[in-house]
Amino acid sequence: MRATTESDAEADRRGRRYVRDHQQRFPDWLLFYSPHDRGLLAFYLGSCPSPGVFVTAPHPDVLLRRMAEAIQPLWRPSSAPSRPTPPGPHDRS
């Protein structure tokens, strides 16, 4: 049995409120609260390899960190400025 510092009903209210209040902040994610685990879940909606990206966390701060860590490998490096092509030998005809 786990010890709690707040009632389960209060934990459920806080979890659902977090999802409701923060879903618009993360449009590339679908946020859920699980009353079974009393934790937060997030499914990545962007382009990613199968079976997709799914993270869970017991606390909002942990969820945010895990979301960022989960999609970081999916980010493509920004396009670096192209280097000029070194001059080659001139064709002399």
C-alpha atoms as a PDB file:
ATOM      1  CA  MET A   1       0.000   0.000   0.000  1.00  0.00           C
ATOM      2  CA  ARG A   2       1.334   3.412  -0.890  1.00  0.00           C
ATOM      3  CA  ALA A   3       1.362   6.361   1.447  1.00  0.00           C
ATOM      4  CA  THR A   4      -0.320   9.511   0.218  1.00  0.00           C
ATOM      5  CA  THR A   5      -0.069  13.092   1.354  1.00  0.00           C
ATOM      6  CA  GLU A   6      -3.457  14.004  -0.065  1.00  0.00           C
ATOM      7  CA  SER A   7      -6.688  12.180  -0.564  1.00  0.00           C
ATOM      8  CA  ASP A   8      -7.051  10.114  -3.695  1.00  0.00           C
ATOM      9  CA  ALA A   9     -10.035  12.242  -4.716  1.00  0.00           C
ATOM     10  CA  GLU A  10      -7.921  15.401  -4.451  1.00  0.00           C
ATOM     11  CA  ALA A  11      -5.116  13.760  -6.444  1.00  0.00           C
ATOM     12  CA  ASP A  12      -7.640  12.859  -9.145  1.00  0.00           C
ATOM     13  CA  ARG A  13      -8.973  16.437  -9.266  1.00  0.00           C
ATOM     14  CA  ARG A  14      -5.456  17.865  -9.536  1.00  0.00           C
ATOM     15  CA  GLY A  15      -4.454  15.414 -12.277  1.00  0.00           C
ATOM     16  CA  ARG A  16      -7.539  16.078 -14.374  1.00  0.00           C
ATOM     17  CA  ARG A  17      -7.185  19.820 -13.863  1.00  0.00           C
ATOM     18  CA  TYR A  18      -3.547  19.691 -14.991  1.00  0.00           C
ATOM     19  CA  VAL A  19      -4.522  17.918 -18.214  1.00  0.00           C
ATOM     20  CA  ARG A  20      -7.400  20.326 -18.881  1.00  0.00           C
ATOM     21  CA  ASP A  21      -5.270  23.407 -18.184  1.00  0.00           C
ATOM     22  CA  HIS A  22      -2.171  22.312 -20.121  1.00  0.00           C
ATOM     23  CA  GLN A  23      -3.395  20.418 -23.188  1.00  0.00           C
ATOM     24  CA  GLN A  24      -3.388  23.558 -25.370  1.00  0.00           C
ATOM     25  CA  ARG A  25       0.177  24.298 -24.303  1.00  0.00           C
ATOM     26  CA  PHE A  26       1.329  21.016 -25.880  1.00  0.00           C
ATOM     27  CA  PRO A  27      -0.525  20.650 -29.206  1.00  0.00           C
ATOM     28  CA  ASP A  28       1.794  17.866 -30.399  1.00  0.00           C
ATOM     29  CA  TRP A  29       0.842  15.718 -27.421  1.00  0.00           C
ATOM     30  CA  LEU A  30      -2.354  14.132 -26.160  1.00  0.00           C
ATOM     31  CA  LEU A  31      -2.379  14.359 -22.357  1.00  0.00           C
ATOM     32  CA  PHE A  32      -4.288  12.068 -19.994  1.00  0.00           C
ATOM     33  CA  TYR A  33      -4.640  11.530 -16.282  1.00  0.00           C
ATOM     34  CA  SER A  34      -4.902   7.931 -15.093  1.00  0.00           C
ATOM     35  CA  PRO A  35      -6.969   7.544 -11.920  1.00  0.00           C
ATOM     36  CA  HIS A  36      -5.848   3.912 -11.766  1.00  0.00           C
ATOM     37  CA  ASP A  37      -2.165   4.840 -11.451  1.00  0.00           C
ATOM     38  CA  ARG A  38      -2.777   8.415 -10.287  1.00  0.00           C
ATOM     39  CA  GLY A  39      -0.272   9.496 -12.879  1.00  0.00           C
ATOM     40  CA  LEU A  40      -0.014  11.495 -16.069  1.00  0.00           C
ATOM     41  CA  LEU A  41       0.295  10.042 -19.554  1.00  0.00           C
ATOM     42  CA  ALA A  42       1.223  11.656 -22.848  1.00  0.00           C
ATOM     43  CA  PHE A  43       1.039  10.351 -26.416  1.00  0.00           C
ATOM     44  CA  TYR A  44       3.105  12.136 -29.050  1.00  0.00           C
ATOM     45  CA  LEU A  45       0.991  13.076 -32.072  1.00  0.00           C
ATOM     46  CA  GLY A  46       3.828  14.138 -34.348  1.00  0.00           C
ATOM     47  CA  SER A  47       5.648  12.095 -36.921  1.00  0.00           C
ATOM     48  CA  CYS A  48       7.593   9.278 -35.307  1.00  0.00           C
ATOM     49  CA  PRO A  49       8.457   5.640 -35.906  1.00  0.00           C
ATOM     50  CA  SER A  50       6.001   2.897 -34.975  1.00  0.00           C
ATOM     51  CA  PRO A  51       4.768   2.089 -32.335  1.00  0.00           C
ATOM     52  CA  GLY A  52       4.823   5.773 -31.410  1.00  0.00           C
ATOM     53  CA  VAL A  53       5.984   7.747 -28.412  1.00  0.00           C
ATOM     54  CA  PHE A  54       4.247   7.358 -25.060  1.00  0.00           C
ATOM     55  CA  VAL A  55       5.450   8.601 -21.680  1.00  0.00           C
ATOM     56  CA  THR A  56       4.130   8.386 -18.139  1.00  0.00           C
ATOM     57  CA  ALA A  57       5.022  10.256 -14.976  1.00  0.00           C
ATOM     58  CA  PRO A  58       3.777  10.687 -11.432  1.00  0.00           C
ATOM     59  CA  HIS A  59       4.230  14.483 -11.454  1.00  0.00           C
ATOM     60  CA  PRO A  60       3.865  17.279 -14.052  1.00  0.00           C
ATOM     61  CA  ASP A  61       7.536  18.306 -13.848  1.00  0.00           C
ATOM     62  CA  VAL A  62       8.638  14.740 -14.513  1.00  0.00           C
ATOM     63  CA  LEU A  63       6.155  14.447 -17.380  1.00  0.00           C
ATOM     64  CA  LEU A  64       7.543  17.567 -19.078  1.00  0.00           C
ATOM     65  CA  ARG A  65      11.114  16.311 -18.790  1.00  0.00           C
ATOM     66  CA  ARG A  66      10.199  12.886 -20.141  1.00  0.00           C
ATOM     67  CA  MET A  67       8.221  14.394 -23.029  1.00  0.00           C
ATOM     68  CA  ALA A  68      11.228  16.484 -24.057  1.00  0.00           C
ATOM     69  CA  GLU A  69      13.625  13.550 -23.707  1.00  0.00           C
ATOM     70  CA  ALA A  70      11.333  11.258 -25.705  1.00  0.00           C
ATOM     71  CA  ILE A  71      11.157  13.444 -28.787  1.00  0.00           C
ATOM     72  CA  GLN A  72      14.661  14.876 -28.721  1.00  0.00           C
ATOM     73  CA  PRO A  73      16.024  12.037 -30.910  1.00  0.00           C
ATOM     74  CA  LEU A  74      13.291  12.815 -33.463  1.00  0.00           C
ATOM     75  CA  TRP A  75      14.439  16.385 -33.976  1.00  0.00           C
ATOM     76  CA  ARG A  76      16.457  16.946 -37.073  1.00  0.00           C
ATOM     77  CA  PRO A  77      19.430  19.204 -36.700  1.00  0.00           C
ATOM     78  CA  SER A  78      18.686  22.612 -38.029  1.00  0.00           C
ATOM     79  CA  SER A  79      20.079  23.306 -41.437  1.00  0.00           C
ATOM     80  CA  ALA A  80      23.545  24.698 -41.048  1.00  0.00           C
ATOM     81  CA  PRO A  81      24.522  27.375 -43.499  1.00  0.00           C
ATOM     82  CA  SER A  82      25.964  25.694 -46.533  1.00  0.00           C
ATOM     83  CA  ARG A  83      29.657  26.129 -47.038  1.00  0.00           C
ATOM     84  CA  PRO A  84      30.740  27.574 -50.342  1.00  0.00           C
ATOM     85  CA  THR A  85      32.140  25.039 -52.718  1.00  0.00           C
ATOM     86  CA  PRO A  86      35.892  25.459 -52.920  1.00  0.00           C
ATOM     87  CA  PRO A  87      36.973  26.727 -56.297  1.00  0.00           C
ATOM     88  CA  GLY A  88      38.043  23.927 -58.611  1.00  0.00           C
ATOM     89  CA  PRO A  89      40.488  24.028 -61.451  1.00  0.00           C
ATOM     90  CA  HIS A  90      39.283  26.243 -64.213  1.00  0.00           C
ATOM     91  CA  ASP A  91      38.591  24.613 -67.543  1.00  0.00           C
ATOM     92  CA  ARG A  92      40.801  26.153 -70.162  1.00  0.00           C
ATOM     93  CA  SER A  93      39.995  25.272 -73.669  1.00  0.00           C
END
